[in-house]
Protein backbone atom coordinates (compact mmCIF):
# COMPACT_ATOMS: atom_id res chain seq x y z
CA MET A 1 -10.42 -6.72 -21.98
CA ILE A 2 -13.85 -5.30 -21.02
CA ARG A 3 -15.46 -6.46 -17.77
CA LYS A 4 -19.05 -5.72 -16.86
CA ILE A 5 -19.65 -4.57 -13.29
CA VAL A 6 -23.41 -3.90 -13.39
CA GLU A 7 -25.77 -2.77 -16.12
CA ASN A 8 -24.20 0.20 -17.94
CA VAL A 9 -21.04 0.15 -15.80
CA TYR A 10 -17.89 -1.44 -17.27
CA ASN A 11 -14.22 -1.73 -16.40
CA VAL A 12 -12.34 -0.74 -19.55
CA GLY A 13 -8.96 -0.37 -17.87
CA ALA A 14 -5.69 -2.07 -18.68
CA VAL A 15 -4.29 -5.27 -17.18
CA ASP A 16 -0.51 -5.39 -16.81
CA TRP A 17 0.41 -9.06 -16.56
CA ASP A 18 4.16 -8.46 -16.88
CA ARG A 19 4.94 -5.56 -14.60
CA ARG A 20 7.11 -6.67 -11.70
CA LEU A 21 8.20 -3.38 -10.11
CA PHE A 22 6.11 -0.34 -9.21
CA ASP A 23 7.52 3.15 -8.63
CA GLU A 24 10.92 1.50 -9.21
CA LEU A 25 10.59 0.24 -5.65
CA ILE A 26 7.64 -2.07 -4.95
CA PRO A 27 7.79 -5.69 -6.14
CA LEU A 28 4.69 -6.86 -8.04
CA PRO A 29 4.74 -10.68 -7.98
CA GLN A 30 1.16 -10.82 -9.37
CA GLY A 31 1.38 -7.93 -11.86
CA THR A 32 -1.22 -5.18 -11.57
CA SER A 33 -4.14 -3.46 -13.27
CA TYR A 34 -5.16 0.13 -13.96
CA ASN A 35 -8.92 0.08 -13.70
CA ALA A 36 -10.98 2.69 -15.55
CA TYR A 37 -14.75 2.57 -15.29
CA ILE A 38 -17.22 3.69 -17.96
CA ILE A 39 -20.66 4.68 -16.67
CA PHE A 40 -23.44 5.15 -19.19
CA GLY A 41 -26.22 7.38 -17.91
CA SER A 42 -29.43 8.08 -19.82
CA GLU A 43 -28.13 11.56 -20.67
CA LYS A 44 -24.38 11.67 -20.06
CA THR A 45 -21.41 9.29 -20.04
CA ALA A 46 -18.56 9.38 -17.53
CA LEU A 47 -15.19 7.66 -17.24
CA ILE A 48 -13.67 7.19 -13.76
CA ASP A 49 -9.84 7.22 -13.80
CA THR A 50 -7.53 6.20 -16.65
CA ALA A 51 -4.21 4.30 -16.78
CA GLU A 52 -0.45 4.58 -17.08
CA PRO A 53 0.47 6.37 -20.34
CA TYR A 54 2.19 3.29 -21.77
CA LYS A 55 -1.15 1.45 -21.50
CA TRP A 56 -3.03 4.00 -23.60
CA GLU A 57 -3.49 1.74 -26.62
CA GLU A 58 -5.14 -0.93 -24.48
CA LEU A 59 -7.42 1.59 -22.79
CA LYS A 60 -8.32 3.14 -26.14
CA LYS A 61 -9.03 -0.27 -27.69
CA ASN A 62 -11.39 -1.20 -24.84
CA ILE A 63 -13.28 2.09 -25.12
CA GLU A 64 -13.66 1.68 -28.86
CA GLU A 65 -14.77 -1.96 -28.61
CA LEU A 66 -17.42 -0.98 -26.09
CA GLY A 67 -18.77 1.45 -28.67
CA VAL A 68 -18.30 4.62 -26.63
CA GLU A 69 -19.07 7.53 -28.95
CA LYS A 70 -18.90 10.36 -26.46
CA ILE A 71 -17.53 10.93 -22.95
CA ASP A 72 -18.87 13.99 -21.19
CA TYR A 73 -16.96 13.71 -17.93
CA ILE A 74 -13.68 12.13 -16.87
CA ILE A 75 -13.67 11.74 -13.12
CA SER A 76 -10.15 11.91 -11.73
CA ASN A 77 -10.01 10.52 -8.20
CA HIS A 78 -6.24 10.86 -7.87
CA ALA A 79 -3.49 12.69 -9.78
CA GLU A 80 -0.74 10.05 -9.70
CA GLN A 81 0.13 9.05 -13.24
CA ASP A 82 -0.87 5.39 -12.98
CA HIS A 83 -4.44 6.74 -12.82
CA SER A 84 -4.19 10.11 -14.56
CA GLY A 85 -1.48 9.46 -17.14
CA CYS A 86 -3.87 8.91 -20.07
CA LEU A 87 -5.88 12.08 -19.42
CA PRO A 88 -4.16 14.08 -22.20
CA PHE A 89 -4.93 11.31 -24.71
CA MET A 90 -8.53 11.09 -23.52
CA LEU A 91 -8.98 14.83 -23.97
CA GLU A 92 -7.73 14.55 -27.55
CA MET A 93 -10.05 11.62 -28.25
CA PHE A 94 -13.04 13.37 -26.62
CA PRO A 95 -12.44 17.12 -27.00
CA GLU A 96 -15.74 18.08 -25.33
CA ALA A 97 -14.99 16.12 -22.15
CA LYS A 98 -14.36 17.86 -18.84
CA ILE A 99 -12.06 16.51 -16.13
CA VAL A 100 -14.06 16.45 -12.91
CA THR A 101 -11.96 16.62 -9.77
CA ASN A 102 -11.17 18.65 -6.67
CA GLU A 103 -9.06 21.79 -6.55
CA LYS A 104 -5.91 20.12 -5.22
CA CYS A 105 -6.07 17.35 -7.80
CA LYS A 106 -6.58 19.92 -10.55
CA GLN A 107 -3.41 21.74 -9.52
CA PHE A 108 -1.41 18.50 -9.41
CA GLU A 109 -2.58 17.47 -12.87
CA MET A 110 -1.81 20.87 -14.32
CA ASP A 111 1.74 20.45 -12.99
CA LEU A 112 2.23 16.76 -13.79
CA LEU A 113 0.44 16.57 -17.15
CA HIS A 114 0.31 20.19 -18.36
CA ILE A 115 -3.46 20.09 -18.82
CA PRO A 116 -4.99 23.56 -19.39
CA GLU A 117 -7.11 24.87 -16.53
CA GLU A 118 -10.18 25.34 -18.73
CA ARG A 119 -10.45 21.57 -19.23
CA PHE A 120 -11.38 21.08 -15.56
CA MET A 121 -14.65 21.12 -13.64
CA VAL A 122 -13.84 21.55 -9.95
CA ILE A 123 -16.03 19.87 -7.35
CA LYS A 124 -15.95 19.69 -3.56
CA GLU A 125 -17.13 17.44 -0.74
CA GLY A 126 -20.73 16.27 -1.19
CA ASP A 127 -21.22 17.65 -4.70
CA VAL A 128 -23.24 15.50 -7.09
CA LEU A 129 -23.15 15.13 -10.85
CA SER A 130 -26.14 13.81 -12.77
CA LEU A 131 -25.72 11.52 -15.78
CA GLY A 132 -29.51 11.27 -16.15
CA ASP A 133 -30.60 8.07 -14.47
CA LYS A 134 -27.27 7.71 -12.67
CA THR A 135 -25.84 10.12 -10.10
CA LEU A 136 -22.24 10.51 -8.98
CA GLU A 137 -21.47 11.85 -5.51
CA PHE A 138 -17.99 13.00 -4.52
CA ILE A 139 -16.45 12.15 -1.15
CA MET A 140 -13.09 13.62 -0.20
CA THR A 141 -10.78 10.91 1.20
CA PRO A 142 -7.45 12.74 1.56
CA TRP A 143 -4.20 10.99 2.42
CA VAL A 144 -5.09 7.58 1.07
CA HIS A 145 -2.32 8.05 -0.03
CA TRP A 146 -1.96 11.56 -1.54
CA PRO A 147 -3.50 14.75 -0.10
CA GLU A 148 -5.98 15.20 -2.97
CA THR A 149 -7.38 11.67 -3.22
CA MET A 150 -11.16 11.35 -3.42
CA THR A 151 -13.82 8.66 -3.81
CA THR A 152 -16.72 8.68 -6.24
CA TYR A 153 -20.02 7.07 -5.19
CA LEU A 154 -22.54 5.87 -7.76
CA GLN A 155 -25.75 6.39 -5.83
CA GLU A 156 -28.19 4.22 -7.77
CA ASP A 157 -25.92 1.16 -7.95
CA LYS A 158 -24.29 1.83 -4.56
CA ILE A 159 -20.75 1.40 -5.90
CA MET A 160 -17.77 3.13 -4.27
CA PHE A 161 -15.00 3.93 -6.74
CA THR A 162 -12.09 4.35 -4.35
CA CYS A 163 -9.00 4.55 -6.61
CA ASP A 164 -5.97 3.45 -4.54
CA PHE A 165 -8.02 3.02 -1.36
CA PHE A 166 -8.71 -0.75 -0.90
CA GLY A 167 -6.62 -1.56 -3.97
CA SER A 168 -4.38 -4.55 -4.68
CA HIS A 169 -1.64 -5.09 -7.23
CA VAL A 170 -3.11 -8.10 -8.99
CA ALA A 171 -3.52 -8.84 -12.68
CA THR A 172 -6.70 -10.86 -13.25
CA SER A 173 -9.05 -11.65 -16.11
CA HIS A 174 -12.12 -11.53 -13.87
CA ALA A 175 -13.97 -8.45 -12.64
CA PHE A 176 -14.62 -9.48 -9.05
CA ALA A 177 -12.52 -10.78 -6.17
CA LYS A 178 -12.83 -14.58 -6.08
CA ASP A 179 -9.92 -16.22 -4.27
CA TYR A 180 -10.24 -14.35 -1.02
CA ASP A 181 -7.17 -15.91 0.63
CA ARG A 182 -5.07 -14.72 -2.28
CA ILE A 183 -6.65 -11.30 -2.51
CA TYR A 184 -6.26 -10.79 1.24
CA HIS A 185 -2.52 -11.36 0.89
CA GLU A 186 -2.14 -9.00 -2.07
CA ALA A 187 -4.40 -6.34 -0.55
CA LYS A 188 -2.34 -6.51 2.64
CA ARG A 189 0.86 -6.16 0.63
CA TYR A 190 -0.64 -3.11 -1.08
CA TYR A 191 -1.75 -1.61 2.24
CA ALA A 192 1.66 -2.26 3.81
CA GLU A 193 3.66 -0.71 1.01
CA ILE A 194 1.46 2.27 0.24
CA MET A 195 -1.20 2.97 2.87
CA MET A 196 0.39 2.12 6.23
CA PRO A 197 1.96 5.56 6.85
CA PHE A 198 -1.54 7.05 6.72
CA ARG A 199 -3.29 4.77 9.24
CA LYS A 200 -4.93 7.60 11.16
CA PHE A 201 -6.30 9.22 8.01
CA ILE A 202 -7.58 5.85 6.78
CA GLU A 203 -9.54 5.35 9.99
CA SER A 204 -11.49 8.58 9.51
CA ASN A 205 -11.99 7.98 5.79
CA ILE A 206 -13.40 4.49 6.40
CA LYS A 207 -15.96 6.04 8.73
CA LYS A 208 -16.86 8.55 6.05
CA ILE A 209 -17.54 6.01 3.31
CA GLU A 210 -19.36 3.65 5.67
CA GLU A 211 -22.03 6.32 6.06
CA LYS A 212 -23.25 5.22 2.63
CA GLU A 213 -24.92 1.97 1.69
CA ILE A 214 -22.29 0.05 -0.25
CA LYS A 215 -22.90 -2.94 -2.49
CA MET A 216 -19.50 -2.91 -4.18
CA ILE A 217 -16.07 -1.35 -3.74
CA ALA A 218 -14.36 -0.74 -7.07
CA PRO A 219 -10.70 0.28 -6.65
CA SER A 220 -8.43 1.30 -9.50
CA HIS A 221 -5.97 -1.54 -8.88
CA GLY A 222 -7.11 -5.14 -8.57
CA PRO A 223 -10.57 -6.71 -8.62
CA VAL A 224 -13.90 -5.26 -7.48
CA TYR A 225 -15.22 -6.37 -4.09
CA ASP A 226 -18.84 -7.49 -4.26
CA GLU A 227 -18.48 -8.33 -0.58
CA PRO A 228 -17.31 -4.88 0.57
CA LYS A 229 -17.30 -5.73 4.28
CA TYR A 230 -14.48 -8.19 3.63
CA ILE A 231 -11.94 -5.55 2.61
CA ILE A 232 -13.29 -2.91 5.01
CA ASN A 233 -12.90 -5.27 7.96
CA ALA A 234 -9.41 -6.23 6.79
CA TYR A 235 -8.41 -2.57 6.78
CA LYS A 236 -9.86 -2.10 10.25
CA GLU A 237 -7.71 -4.97 11.46
CA TRP A 238 -4.56 -3.57 9.84
CA ILE A 239 -4.99 -0.01 11.13
CA ASP A 240 -5.82 -1.11 14.68
CA ASP A 241 -3.21 0.32 17.08
CA LYS A 242 -2.60 -2.94 18.92
CA PRO A 243 0.07 -5.13 17.30
CA LYS A 244 0.23 -8.92 17.42
CA ASN A 245 2.59 -11.21 19.31
CA ILE A 246 5.08 -11.14 16.45
CA THR A 247 8.79 -10.35 16.30
CA LEU A 248 10.31 -9.51 12.93
CA ILE A 249 14.03 -10.24 12.64
CA ALA A 250 15.37 -8.40 9.60
CA PHE A 251 18.92 -9.57 9.00
CA VAL A 252 21.95 -9.79 6.78
CA SER A 253 24.93 -12.02 7.53
CA MET A 254 28.18 -11.93 5.59
CA HIS A 255 30.25 -14.64 7.31
CA ASP A 256 27.69 -16.36 9.55
CA SER A 257 28.43 -14.46 12.78
CA THR A 258 25.16 -12.53 12.65
CA ARG A 259 23.34 -15.55 11.21
CA LYS A 260 24.25 -17.65 14.26
CA MET A 261 22.78 -14.95 16.52
CA VAL A 262 19.60 -14.85 14.47
CA ASP A 263 19.16 -18.62 14.40
CA TYR A 264 19.61 -18.78 18.16
CA LEU A 265 17.10 -15.98 18.78
CA VAL A 266 14.52 -17.62 16.52
CA ASP A 267 14.62 -20.77 18.67
CA VAL A 268 14.55 -18.95 22.00
CA LEU A 269 11.73 -16.58 21.04
CA SER A 270 9.71 -19.43 19.56
CA ASP A 271 10.07 -21.35 22.82
CA LYS A 272 8.51 -18.32 24.50
CA LYS A 273 5.46 -18.65 22.21
CA ILE A 274 6.34 -15.58 20.15
CA ASP A 275 5.64 -15.78 16.42
CA VAL A 276 9.01 -15.05 14.77
CA ARG A 277 9.49 -13.88 11.18
CA ALA A 278 13.19 -14.10 10.24
CA ARG A 279 13.73 -12.33 6.90
CA ASN A 280 17.04 -12.42 5.08
CA LEU A 281 17.16 -9.00 3.47
CA ILE A 282 19.22 -10.25 0.55
CA THR A 283 16.58 -12.76 -0.58
CA THR A 284 13.27 -11.35 0.73
CA ASP A 285 11.39 -8.72 -1.23
CA LEU A 286 10.41 -5.48 0.45
CA GLY A 287 6.72 -6.29 0.18
CA GLU A 288 7.07 -9.24 2.55
CA ILE A 289 8.99 -7.10 5.04
CA ALA A 290 6.31 -4.42 4.83
CA MET A 291 3.55 -6.98 5.46
CA ASP A 292 5.38 -8.24 8.54
CA LEU A 293 5.57 -4.68 9.81
CA VAL A 294 1.78 -4.34 9.63
CA ASP A 295 1.37 -6.64 12.65
CA ALA A 296 4.73 -6.95 14.45
CA ALA A 297 5.05 -5.78 18.04
CA SER A 298 8.84 -5.83 17.90
CA ILE A 299 11.57 -5.70 15.31
CA ILE A 300 15.14 -6.89 15.64
CA ILE A 301 17.64 -5.38 13.21
CA ALA A 302 20.52 -7.83 12.79
CA THR A 303 23.55 -6.71 10.83
CA PRO A 304 27.25 -7.19 10.31
CA THR A 305 29.38 -4.06 10.44
CA VAL A 306 30.42 -2.84 6.98
CA LEU A 307 32.87 0.06 6.71
CA ALA A 308 32.07 1.11 10.27
CA GLY A 309 28.29 1.02 9.80
CA PRO A 310 25.32 -1.29 9.13
CA HIS A 311 25.10 -3.35 5.98
CA PRO A 312 23.51 -1.21 3.19
CA ALA A 313 20.56 -3.60 2.84
CA VAL A 314 19.85 -3.27 6.55
CA LEU A 315 20.11 0.51 6.35
CA ALA A 316 17.63 0.57 3.44
CA THR A 317 15.17 -1.57 5.41
CA ALA A 318 15.48 0.64 8.49
CA TYR A 319 14.79 3.64 6.27
CA LEU A 320 11.73 1.91 4.79
CA ALA A 321 10.38 1.06 8.25
CA ASN A 322 10.91 4.65 9.30
CA ALA A 323 8.93 5.86 6.28
CA LEU A 324 6.09 3.33 6.67
CA ARG A 325 5.63 4.16 10.38
CA PRO A 326 4.18 0.81 11.48
CA LYS A 327 2.63 0.23 14.91
CA VAL A 328 5.69 -1.70 16.13
CA ARG A 329 6.37 -0.90 19.80
CA PHE A 330 9.84 -2.28 20.54
CA ALA A 331 13.12 -2.63 18.66
CA ALA A 332 16.58 -4.04 19.20
CA ILE A 333 19.82 -3.90 17.24
CA ILE A 334 22.13 -6.90 17.22
CA GLY A 335 25.07 -7.97 15.12
CA SER A 336 28.78 -8.45 14.89
CA TYR A 337 31.85 -6.36 14.13
CA GLY A 338 35.53 -6.86 13.50
CA TRP A 339 37.15 -3.80 15.06
CA GLY A 340 34.47 -1.16 15.74
CA GLY A 341 32.04 1.25 14.12
CA ARG A 342 28.90 3.38 14.49
CA THR A 343 26.24 0.84 13.55
CA VAL A 344 23.89 1.55 16.45
CA ASP A 345 24.08 5.33 16.14
CA ILE A 346 23.42 5.22 12.40
CA LEU A 347 20.42 2.92 12.74
CA LYS A 348 18.95 4.90 15.63
CA ALA A 349 19.16 8.09 13.57
CA THR A 350 17.60 6.34 10.56
CA MET A 351 14.56 5.19 12.56
CA GLY A 352 13.87 8.51 14.25
CA ASN A 353 10.22 8.67 13.14
CA LEU A 354 9.27 5.41 14.86
CA LYS A 355 7.60 5.64 18.24
CA ILE A 356 9.47 2.67 19.65
CA GLU A 357 11.23 1.67 22.80
CA LEU A 358 14.76 0.72 21.80
CA LEU A 359 16.07 -2.16 23.88
CA GLU A 360 19.73 -2.53 24.82
CA PRO A 361 21.80 -3.18 21.65
CA LEU A 362 23.95 -6.29 21.42
CA LEU A 363 26.94 -6.09 19.12
CA ILE A 364 29.62 -8.73 19.54
CA LYS A 365 33.15 -9.01 18.25
CA GLY A 366 33.52 -11.91 15.83
CA LEU A 367 31.62 -15.17 16.23
CA PRO A 368 29.21 -15.47 19.17
CA GLU A 369 30.24 -17.67 22.09
CA GLY A 370 28.99 -18.60 25.55
CA GLU A 371 28.44 -15.18 27.14
CA ASP A 372 27.01 -13.81 23.90
CA TYR A 373 24.32 -16.51 23.84
CA LYS A 374 23.47 -15.68 27.46
CA ALA A 375 23.02 -12.07 26.39
CA LEU A 376 20.69 -13.22 23.60
CA ASP A 377 18.70 -15.18 26.21
CA LYS A 378 18.30 -11.95 28.18
CA LEU A 379 17.21 -10.07 25.08
CA ALA A 380 14.60 -12.72 24.27
CA GLU A 381 13.30 -12.58 27.84
CA LYS A 382 13.09 -8.78 27.66
CA ILE A 383 11.10 -8.99 24.43
CA LYS A 384 8.76 -11.51 26.04
CA GLU A 385 8.27 -9.14 29.02
CA LYS A 386 7.56 -6.21 26.73
CA HIS A 387 5.01 -8.17 24.70
CA ASP A 388 3.33 -9.33 27.90
CA SER A 389 3.21 -5.73 29.18
CA ILE A 390 0.89 -4.70 26.33
CA GLY A 391 -1.34 -7.74 26.66
CA LEU A 392 -0.04 -9.92 23.84
């Protein structure tokens, strides 16, 4: 499938309608795409990014159908294999082509793909590459989400090719973002799962690319934005340090003891005008949890005690939250046990990276009863006070 972006610029990448898991971790309910952009200049031709190796035949077919006879430069914005994986095949197909990238990316691709050093042309911040009547400018945007990631700016058409930055895991047949409610959701999922740990780096990199006049943002996953302010403003909202008046309750319940606590807390917190997201970790995919973490001011981990510790699904979610480093400010641990355990200590150690205030834990023996519900009332009131204290 070939999609025209502007005159002499085409997306020849691969659409993966069927893929449902990324990095063996991230659910992909809408599939994904690996965008690769051909740019025909009056003198030279460039390709920006490639695709996963298993999508080589589709990428090759698109290039051939477009009638590309020669590629002079392959711009590699990022070394991860979903964008660089077809580089060895491209170099065989176009033996005169040079891979254009920065020094760090070159080293990664030599390690990951065993590409000889002589096949690279190394560029740095602000360098330009002429294709004749089209000019590519290179902007270093590290840590969105690897240390070597960069953005390529097509000066004449004012297109930012941002690779993972501003991406979304969506398989579509159209070139440009259309259903903005849908794309907002999938772009937020993508941000939450991949970009959130790098919020501070993203802030500085947004400022850097906004110095240019931008007509389009062309990521390497998902559709092109011909309204670039839409996705830029969404990112500014997501990286803002102030959370929203939201409490995420991430829970597992084996025999309803923990579930009764969760159900009660949902009602009490809702009565206090707090937006509650109660997510059963057995049935909710990690992407939804990650999206909740983008905005939540507080998180409640609710777990039964299993072999003296938290339920494994709860432990995995706590580990994920610790890795994603959301802007959540407050946390609490609640749950039930039969005879004892180290649930609180294990969860506290697992979430050591989070800059949170941990409220008093509440673990009860067996099913909750009168005094336990009073303790839940106090916890809800404390959460309300904490939210109020930061102006929510």
